[in-house]
PDB file of N, CA and C in Angstrom:
ATOM      1  N   MET A   1      83.202 114.479  90.919  1.00  0.00           N
ATOM      2  CA  MET A   1      83.258 114.111  89.507  1.00  0.00           C
ATOM      3  C   MET A   1      84.511 113.275  89.251  1.00  0.00           C
ATOM      4  N   ALA A   2      84.355 112.198  88.535  1.00  0.00           N
ATOM      5  CA  ALA A   2      85.472 111.282  88.279  1.00  0.00           C
ATOM      6  C   ALA A   2      86.437 111.854  87.245  1.00  0.00           C
ATOM      7  N   VAL A   3      87.678 111.394  87.326  1.00  0.00           N
ATOM      8  CA  VAL A   3      88.678 111.726  86.315  1.00  0.00           C
ATOM      9  C   VAL A   3      89.059 110.417  85.623  1.00  0.00           C
ATOM     10  N   GLN A   4      89.449 110.514  84.346  1.00  0.00           N
ATOM     11  CA  GLN A   4      89.807 109.299  83.637  1.00  0.00           C
ATOM     12  C   GLN A   4      90.878 109.558  82.592  1.00  0.00           C
ATOM     13  N   GLN A   5      91.559 108.487  82.216  1.00  0.00           N
ATOM     14  CA  GLN A   5      92.586 108.575  81.188  1.00  0.00           C
ATOM     15  C   GLN A   5      92.664 107.236  80.462  1.00  0.00           C
ATOM     16  N   THR A   6      92.870 107.309  79.150  1.00  0.00           N
ATOM     17  CA  THR A   6      93.012 106.100  78.348  1.00  0.00           C
ATOM     18  C   THR A   6      94.492 105.745  78.257  1.00  0.00           C
ATOM     19  N   VAL A   7      94.773 104.449  78.358  1.00  0.00           N
ATOM     20  CA  VAL A   7      96.146 103.949  78.274  1.00  0.00           C
ATOM     21  C   VAL A   7      96.174 102.869  77.198  1.00  0.00           C
ATOM     22  N   ARG A   8      97.203 102.918  76.328  1.00  0.00           N
ATOM     23  CA  ARG A   8      97.367 101.863  75.327  1.00  0.00           C
ATOM     24  C   ARG A   8      98.503 100.958  75.785  1.00  0.00           C
ATOM     25  N   ILE A   9      98.240  99.654  75.810  1.00  0.00           N
ATOM     26  CA  ILE A   9      99.225  98.689  76.281  1.00  0.00           C
ATOM     27  C   ILE A   9     100.262  98.434  75.195  1.00  0.00           C
ATOM     28  N   THR A  10     101.530  98.646  75.529  1.00  0.00           N
ATOM     29  CA  THR A  10     102.617  98.465  74.562  1.00  0.00           C
ATOM     30  C   THR A  10     103.483  97.248  74.883  1.00  0.00           C
ATOM     31  N   ALA A  11     103.317  96.665  76.071  1.00  0.00           N
ATOM     32  CA  ALA A  11     104.113  95.493  76.451  1.00  0.00           C
ATOM     33  C   ALA A  11     103.652  94.277  75.654  1.00  0.00           C
ATOM     34  N   GLU A  12     104.626  93.518  75.115  1.00  0.00           N
ATOM     35  CA  GLU A  12     104.290  92.346  74.299  1.00  0.00           C
ATOM     36  C   GLU A  12     103.479  91.319  75.074  1.00  0.00           C
ATOM     37  N   THR A  13     103.717  91.242  76.380  1.00  0.00           N
ATOM     38  CA  THR A  13     103.027  90.248  77.204  1.00  0.00           C
ATOM     39  C   THR A  13     101.687  90.747  77.732  1.00  0.00           C
ATOM     40  N   GLY A  14     101.314  91.985  77.414  1.00  0.00           N
ATOM     41  CA  GLY A  14     100.074  92.540  77.936  1.00  0.00           C
ATOM     42  C   GLY A  14     100.201  92.783  79.434  1.00  0.00           C
ATOM     43  N   VAL A  15      99.071  92.800  80.115  1.00  0.00           N
ATOM     44  CA  VAL A  15      99.073  93.009  81.568  1.00  0.00           C
ATOM     45  C   VAL A  15      99.040  91.634  82.229  1.00  0.00           C
ATOM     46  N   HIS A  16     100.207  91.169  82.680  1.00  0.00           N
ATOM     47  CA  HIS A  16     100.289  89.866  83.342  1.00  0.00           C
ATOM     48  C   HIS A  16     100.447  90.072  84.847  1.00  0.00           C
ATOM     49  N   ALA A  17     100.698  89.009  85.588  1.00  0.00           N
ATOM     50  CA  ALA A  17     100.617  89.036  87.052  1.00  0.00           C
ATOM     51  C   ALA A  17     101.514  90.073  87.727  1.00  0.00           C
ATOM     52  N   ARG A  18     102.793  90.168  87.331  1.00  0.00           N
ATOM     53  CA  ARG A  18     103.702  91.075  88.038  1.00  0.00           C
ATOM     54  C   ARG A  18     103.284  92.541  87.901  1.00  0.00           C
ATOM     55  N   PRO A  19     103.078  93.049  86.676  1.00  0.00           N
ATOM     56  CA  PRO A  19     102.644  94.455  86.588  1.00  0.00           C
ATOM     57  C   PRO A  19     101.232  94.668  87.138  1.00  0.00           C
ATOM     58  N   ALA A  20     100.366  93.657  87.033  1.00  0.00           N
ATOM     59  CA  ALA A  20      99.018  93.788  87.591  1.00  0.00           C
ATOM     60  C   ALA A  20      99.116  93.974  89.109  1.00  0.00           C
ATOM     61  N   THR A  21     100.026  93.240  89.745  1.00  0.00           N
ATOM     62  CA  THR A  21     100.229  93.366  91.189  1.00  0.00           C
ATOM     63  C   THR A  21     100.715  94.768  91.542  1.00  0.00           C
ATOM     64  N   ALA A  22     101.624  95.324  90.723  1.00  0.00           N
ATOM     65  CA  ALA A  22     102.117  96.684  90.955  1.00  0.00           C
ATOM     66  C   ALA A  22     100.971  97.697  90.860  1.00  0.00           C
ATOM     67  N   LEU A  23     100.083  97.510  89.887  1.00  0.00           N
ATOM     68  CA  LEU A  23      98.934  98.414  89.720  1.00  0.00           C
ATOM     69  C   LEU A  23      97.994  98.321  90.928  1.00  0.00           C
ATOM     70  N   VAL A  24      97.685  97.096  91.336  1.00  0.00           N
ATOM     71  CA  VAL A  24      96.780  96.870  92.466  1.00  0.00           C
ATOM     72  C   VAL A  24      97.373  97.449  93.754  1.00  0.00           C
ATOM     73  N   ASN A  25      98.675  97.223  93.968  1.00  0.00           N
ATOM     74  CA  ASN A  25      99.330  97.753  95.172  1.00  0.00           C
ATOM     75  C   ASN A  25      99.280  99.274  95.206  1.00  0.00           C
ATOM     76  N   LYS A  26      99.543  99.914  94.056  1.00  0.00           N
ATOM     77  CA  LYS A  26      99.505 101.380  93.991  1.00  0.00           C
ATOM     78  C   LYS A  26      98.079 101.885  94.229  1.00  0.00           C
ATOM     79  N   ALA A  27      97.091 101.227  93.629  1.00  0.00           N
ATOM     80  CA  ALA A  27      95.693 101.641  93.789  1.00  0.00           C
ATOM     81  C   ALA A  27      95.273 101.582  95.259  1.00  0.00           C
ATOM     82  N   GLY A  28      95.825 100.616  95.996  1.00  0.00           N
ATOM     83  CA  GLY A  28      95.486 100.448  97.403  1.00  0.00           C
ATOM     84  C   GLY A  28      95.935 101.589  98.298  1.00  0.00           C
ATOM     85  N   HIS A  29      96.814 102.457  97.793  1.00  0.00           N
ATOM     86  CA  HIS A  29      97.305 103.591  98.571  1.00  0.00           C
ATOM     87  C   HIS A  29      96.309 104.755  98.600  1.00  0.00           C
ATOM     88  N   PHE A  30      95.254 104.659  97.799  1.00  0.00           N
ATOM     89  CA  PHE A  30      94.318 105.779  97.664  1.00  0.00           C
ATOM     90  C   PHE A  30      92.936 105.418  98.172  1.00  0.00           C
ATOM     91  N   SER A  31      92.213 106.414  98.665  1.00  0.00           N
ATOM     92  CA  SER A  31      90.861 106.168  99.162  1.00  0.00           C
ATOM     93  C   SER A  31      89.827 106.190  98.030  1.00  0.00           C
ATOM     94  N   SER A  32      90.173 106.786  96.898  1.00  0.00           N
ATOM     95  CA  SER A  32      89.240 106.862  95.767  1.00  0.00           C
ATOM     96  C   SER A  32      88.892 105.484  95.226  1.00  0.00           C
ATOM     97  N   ASP A  33      87.716 105.394  94.613  1.00  0.00           N
ATOM     98  CA  ASP A  33      87.364 104.193  93.845  1.00  0.00           C
ATOM     99  C   ASP A  33      88.133 104.290  92.536  1.00  0.00           C
ATOM    100  N   ILE A  34      88.850 103.235  92.179  1.00  0.00           N
ATOM    101  CA  ILE A  34      89.624 103.236  90.941  1.00  0.00           C
ATOM    102  C   ILE A  34      89.211 102.028  90.126  1.00  0.00           C
ATOM    103  N   LYS A  35      88.780 102.288  88.902  1.00  0.00           N
ATOM    104  CA  LYS A  35      88.319 101.207  88.034  1.00  0.00           C
ATOM    105  C   LYS A  35      89.181 101.126  86.787  1.00  0.00           C
ATOM    106  N   LEU A  36      89.268  99.914  86.256  1.00  0.00           N
ATOM    107  CA  LEU A  36      89.955  99.666  84.997  1.00  0.00           C
ATOM    108  C   LEU A  36      88.884  99.158  84.042  1.00  0.00           C
ATOM    109  N   VAL A  37      88.741  99.805  82.884  1.00  0.00           N
ATOM    110  CA  VAL A  37      87.705  99.426  81.926  1.00  0.00           C
ATOM    111  C   VAL A  37      88.362  98.942  80.642  1.00  0.00           C
ATOM    112  N   TYR A  38      87.971  97.731  80.222  1.00  0.00           N
ATOM    113  CA  TYR A  38      88.481  97.143  78.982  1.00  0.00           C
ATOM    114  C   TYR A  38      87.353  96.337  78.346  1.00  0.00           C
ATOM    115  N   ASN A  39      87.130  96.534  77.056  1.00  0.00           N
ATOM    116  CA  ASN A  39      86.047  95.837  76.338  1.00  0.00           C
ATOM    117  C   ASN A  39      84.707  95.951  77.066  1.00  0.00           C
ATOM    118  N   ASP A  40      84.376  97.162  77.510  1.00  0.00           N
ATOM    119  CA  ASP A  40      83.106  97.439  78.190  1.00  0.00           C
ATOM    120  C   ASP A  40      82.934  96.700  79.517  1.00  0.00           C
ATOM    121  N   LYS A  41      84.021  96.137  80.061  1.00  0.00           N
ATOM    122  CA  LYS A  41      83.949  95.486  81.373  1.00  0.00           C
ATOM    123  C   LYS A  41      84.784  96.311  82.350  1.00  0.00           C
ATOM    124  N   ALA A  42      84.178  96.701  83.462  1.00  0.00           N
ATOM    125  CA  ALA A  42      84.882  97.505  84.465  1.00  0.00           C
ATOM    126  C   ALA A  42      85.168  96.643  85.691  1.00  0.00           C
ATOM    127  N   VAL A  43      86.401  96.725  86.180  1.00  0.00           N
ATOM    128  CA  VAL A  43      86.761  96.005  87.407  1.00  0.00           C
ATOM    129  C   VAL A  43      87.413  96.973  88.388  1.00  0.00           C
ATOM    130  N   ASN A  44      87.368  96.605  89.648  1.00  0.00           N
ATOM    131  CA  ASN A  44      88.002  97.378  90.712  1.00  0.00           C
ATOM    132  C   ASN A  44      89.516  97.183  90.587  1.00  0.00           C
ATOM    133  N   LEU A  45      90.250  98.270  90.430  1.00  0.00           N
ATOM    134  CA  LEU A  45      91.707  98.170  90.263  1.00  0.00           C
ATOM    135  C   LEU A  45      92.395  97.745  91.559  1.00  0.00           C
ATOM    136  N   LYS A  46      91.659  97.680  92.657  1.00  0.00           N
ATOM    137  CA  LYS A  46      92.240  97.217  93.916  1.00  0.00           C
ATOM    138  C   LYS A  46      92.110  95.694  94.060  1.00  0.00           C
ATOM    139  N   SER A  47      91.575  95.033  93.039  1.00  0.00           N
ATOM    140  CA  SER A  47      91.364  93.584  93.061  1.00  0.00           C
ATOM    141  C   SER A  47      92.244  92.895  92.026  1.00  0.00           C
ATOM    142  N   ILE A  48      93.235  92.120  92.470  1.00  0.00           N
ATOM    143  CA  ILE A  48      94.121  91.424  91.533  1.00  0.00           C
ATOM    144  C   ILE A  48      93.330  90.443  90.672  1.00  0.00           C
ATOM    145  N   MET A  49      92.353  89.768  91.258  1.00  0.00           N
ATOM    146  CA  MET A  49      91.547  88.821  90.474  1.00  0.00           C
ATOM    147  C   MET A  49      90.744  89.551  89.397  1.00  0.00           C
ATOM    148  N   GLY A  50      90.224  90.715  89.748  1.00  0.00           N
ATOM    149  CA  GLY A  50      89.470  91.499  88.771  1.00  0.00           C
ATOM    150  C   GLY A  50      90.338  91.919  87.601  1.00  0.00           C
ATOM    151  N   VAL A  51      91.535  92.428  87.910  1.00  0.00           N
ATOM    152  CA  VAL A  51      92.450  92.891  86.854  1.00  0.00           C
ATOM    153  C   VAL A  51      92.868  91.709  85.972  1.00  0.00           C
ATOM    154  N   MET A  52      93.231  90.587  86.577  1.00  0.00           N
ATOM    155  CA  MET A  52      93.669  89.427  85.802  1.00  0.00           C
ATOM    156  C   MET A  52      92.527  88.862  84.949  1.00  0.00           C
ATOM    157  N   SER A  53      91.294  88.992  85.418  1.00  0.00           N
ATOM    158  CA  SER A  53      90.144  88.448  84.684  1.00  0.00           C
ATOM    159  C   SER A  53      89.917  89.154  83.352  1.00  0.00           C
ATOM    160  N   LEU A  54      90.478  90.350  83.199  1.00  0.00           N
ATOM    161  CA  LEU A  54      90.293  91.092  81.945  1.00  0.00           C
ATOM    162  C   LEU A  54      91.148  90.518  80.810  1.00  0.00           C
ATOM    163  N   GLY A  55      92.244  89.834  81.142  1.00  0.00           N
ATOM    164  CA  GLY A  55      93.108  89.249  80.112  1.00  0.00           C
ATOM    165  C   GLY A  55      93.561  90.276  79.084  1.00  0.00           C
ATOM    166  N   ILE A  56      94.175  91.343  79.543  1.00  0.00           N
ATOM    167  CA  ILE A  56      94.494  92.481  78.672  1.00  0.00           C
ATOM    168  C   ILE A  56      95.740  92.195  77.819  1.00  0.00           C
ATOM    169  N   PRO A  57      95.590  92.159  76.477  1.00  0.00           N
ATOM    170  CA  PRO A  57      96.717  91.874  75.579  1.00  0.00           C
ATOM    171  C   PRO A  57      97.447  93.143  75.120  1.00  0.00           C
ATOM    172  N   MET A  58      98.554  92.944  74.394  1.00  0.00           N
ATOM    173  CA  MET A  58      99.270  94.064  73.788  1.00  0.00           C
ATOM    174  C   MET A  58      98.333  94.793  72.821  1.00  0.00           C
ATOM    175  N   ASP A  59      98.527  96.104  72.697  1.00  0.00           N
ATOM    176  CA  ASP A  59      97.740  96.990  71.825  1.00  0.00           C
ATOM    177  C   ASP A  59      96.318  97.242  72.311  1.00  0.00           C
ATOM    178  N   ALA A  60      95.970  96.721  73.494  1.00  0.00           N
ATOM    179  CA  ALA A  60      94.643  96.998  74.050  1.00  0.00           C
ATOM    180  C   ALA A  60      94.582  98.455  74.482  1.00  0.00           C
ATOM    181  N   GLU A  61      93.410  99.048  74.366  1.00  0.00           N
ATOM    182  CA  GLU A  61      93.182 100.383  74.907  1.00  0.00           C
ATOM    183  C   GLU A  61      92.257 100.212  76.084  1.00  0.00           C
ATOM    184  N   LEU A  62      92.680 100.741  77.235  1.00  0.00           N
ATOM    185  CA  LEU A  62      91.843 100.647  78.410  1.00  0.00           C
ATOM    186  C   LEU A  62      91.750 102.003  79.067  1.00  0.00           C
ATOM    187  N   THR A  63      90.755 102.133  79.916  1.00  0.00           N
ATOM    188  CA  THR A  63      90.513 103.404  80.580  1.00  0.00           C
ATOM    189  C   THR A  63      90.636 103.214  82.082  1.00  0.00           C
ATOM    190  N   VAL A  64      91.376 104.122  82.708  1.00  0.00           N
ATOM    191  CA  VAL A  64      91.486 104.144  84.165  1.00  0.00           C
ATOM    192  C   VAL A  64      90.570 105.273  84.643  1.00  0.00           C
ATOM    193  N   ILE A  65      89.666 104.948  85.567  1.00  0.00           N
ATOM    194  CA  ILE A  65      88.734 105.939  86.101  1.00  0.00           C
ATOM    195  C   ILE A  65      88.907 105.995  87.614  1.00  0.00           C
ATOM    196  N   ALA A  66      89.124 107.199  88.137  1.00  0.00           N
ATOM    197  CA  ALA A  66      89.257 107.377  89.585  1.00  0.00           C
ATOM    198  C   ALA A  66      88.190 108.356  90.053  1.00  0.00           C
ATOM    199  N   GLU A  67      87.552 108.020  91.178  1.00  0.00           N
ATOM    200  CA  GLU A  67      86.525 108.895  91.722  1.00  0.00           C
ATOM    201  C   GLU A  67      86.635 108.899  93.238  1.00  0.00           C
ATOM    202  N   GLY A  68      86.809 110.100  93.798  1.00  0.00           N
ATOM    203  CA  GLY A  68      86.918 110.229  95.244  1.00  0.00           C
ATOM    204  C   GLY A  68      87.759 111.433  95.610  1.00  0.00           C
ATOM    205  N   GLU A  69      88.076 111.555  96.898  1.00  0.00           N
ATOM    206  CA  GLU A  69      88.745 112.773  97.375  1.00  0.00           C
ATOM    207  C   GLU A  69      90.174 112.919  96.860  1.00  0.00           C
ATOM    208  N   ASP A  70      90.863 111.814  96.521  1.00  0.00           N
ATOM    209  CA  ASP A  70      92.232 111.916  95.996  1.00  0.00           C
ATOM    210  C   ASP A  70      92.317 111.395  94.562  1.00  0.00           C
ATOM    211  N   GLU A  71      91.219 111.580  93.804  1.00  0.00           N
ATOM    212  CA  GLU A  71      91.122 111.006  92.458  1.00  0.00           C
ATOM    213  C   GLU A  71      92.227 111.472  91.505  1.00  0.00           C
ATOM    214  N   LYS A  72      92.573 112.764  91.535  1.00  0.00           N
ATOM    215  CA  LYS A  72      93.603 113.261  90.605  1.00  0.00           C
ATOM    216  C   LYS A  72      94.967 112.643  90.902  1.00  0.00           C
ATOM    217  N   GLU A  73      95.320 112.571  92.182  1.00  0.00           N
ATOM    218  CA  GLU A  73      96.597 111.972  92.578  1.00  0.00           C
ATOM    219  C   GLU A  73      96.607 110.478  92.248  1.00  0.00           C
ATOM    220  N   ALA A  74      95.477 109.816  92.486  1.00  0.00           N
ATOM    221  CA  ALA A  74      95.363 108.384  92.217  1.00  0.00           C
ATOM    222  C   ALA A  74      95.551 108.102  90.731  1.00  0.00           C
ATOM    223  N   LEU A  75      94.865 108.870  89.884  1.00  0.00           N
ATOM    224  CA  LEU A  75      94.961 108.659  88.441  1.00  0.00           C
ATOM    225  C   LEU A  75      96.396 108.869  87.962  1.00  0.00           C
ATOM    226  N   ALA A  76      97.035 109.940  88.416  1.00  0.00           N
ATOM    227  CA  ALA A  76      98.414 110.223  88.009  1.00  0.00           C
ATOM    228  C   ALA A  76      99.349 109.101  88.450  1.00  0.00           C
ATOM    229  N   ALA A  77      99.158 108.595  89.663  1.00  0.00           N
ATOM    230  CA  ALA A  77     100.025 107.536  90.188  1.00  0.00           C
ATOM    231  C   ALA A  77      99.845 106.236  89.406  1.00  0.00           C
ATOM    232  N   ILE A  78      98.614 105.895  89.051  1.00  0.00           N
ATOM    233  CA  ILE A  78      98.346 104.665  88.303  1.00  0.00           C
ATOM    234  C   ILE A  78      98.943 104.764  86.898  1.00  0.00           C
ATOM    235  N   VAL A  79      98.765 105.903  86.240  1.00  0.00           N
ATOM    236  CA  VAL A  79      99.339 106.087  84.902  1.00  0.00           C
ATOM    237  C   VAL A  79     100.868 105.996  84.979  1.00  0.00           C
ATOM    238  N   ASP A  80     101.455 106.518  86.061  1.00  0.00           N
ATOM    239  CA  ASP A  80     102.904 106.394  86.264  1.00  0.00           C
ATOM    240  C   ASP A  80     103.338 104.938  86.355  1.00  0.00           C
ATOM    241  N   VAL A  81     102.546 104.098  87.023  1.00  0.00           N
ATOM    242  CA  VAL A  81     102.886 102.672  87.129  1.00  0.00           C
ATOM    243  C   VAL A  81     102.894 102.028  85.740  1.00  0.00           C
ATOM    244  N   PHE A  82     101.923 102.376  84.891  1.00  0.00           N
ATOM    245  CA  PHE A  82     101.914 101.840  83.527  1.00  0.00           C
ATOM    246  C   PHE A  82     103.230 102.178  82.819  1.00  0.00           C
ATOM    247  N   LYS A  83     103.730 103.406  83.027  1.00  0.00           N
ATOM    248  CA  LYS A  83     104.988 103.833  82.388  1.00  0.00           C
ATOM    249  C   LYS A  83     106.198 103.170  83.041  1.00  0.00           C
ATOM    250  N   GLN A  84     106.242 103.143  84.381  1.00  0.00           N
ATOM    251  CA  GLN A  84     107.378 102.545  85.088  1.00  0.00           C
ATOM    252  C   GLN A  84     107.537 101.065  84.775  1.00  0.00           C
ATOM    253  N   GLU A  85     106.408 100.360  84.654  1.00  0.00           N
ATOM    254  CA  GLU A  85     106.427  98.917  84.381  1.00  0.00           C
ATOM    255  C   GLU A  85     106.580  98.643  82.882  1.00  0.00           C
ATOM    256  N   GLU A  86     106.707  99.732  82.096  1.00  0.00           N
ATOM    257  CA  GLU A  86     106.807  99.637  80.633  1.00  0.00           C
ATOM    258  C   GLU A  86     105.646  98.835  80.036  1.00  0.00           C
ATOM    259  N   LEU A  87     104.478  99.092  80.623  1.00  0.00           N
ATOM    260  CA  LEU A  87     103.263  98.422  80.188  1.00  0.00           C
ATOM    261  C   LEU A  87     102.569  99.163  79.057  1.00  0.00           C
ATOM    262  N   GLY A  88     102.581 100.495  79.160  1.00  0.00           N
ATOM    263  CA  GLY A  88     101.819 101.260  78.180  1.00  0.00           C
ATOM    264  C   GLY A  88     102.097 102.741  78.290  1.00  0.00           C
ATOM    265  N   GLU A  89     101.312 103.468  77.504  1.00  0.00           N
ATOM    266  CA  GLU A  89     101.503 104.925  77.440  1.00  0.00           C
ATOM    267  C   GLU A  89     100.160 105.620  77.429  1.00  0.00           C
TER     268      GLU A  89
END
């Protein structure tokens, strides 16, 4: 069963290349499938092109969904990256 969490973007620049790269790199450490959902479009969080294609602005609400054997650890780690990069909460 998948786990998920909603994140609200607080960074004025939204999700741009540098923090997107940090998210993708962190997602790559896990075997679970990790998706980022914004405006009803879901992309693989392990794909920088997928994440950038969403064009996520400030105040956007998005959902991180992880499914697999390390899903709980993956979700916690990804949410931590949002906080460390001062992207959202």
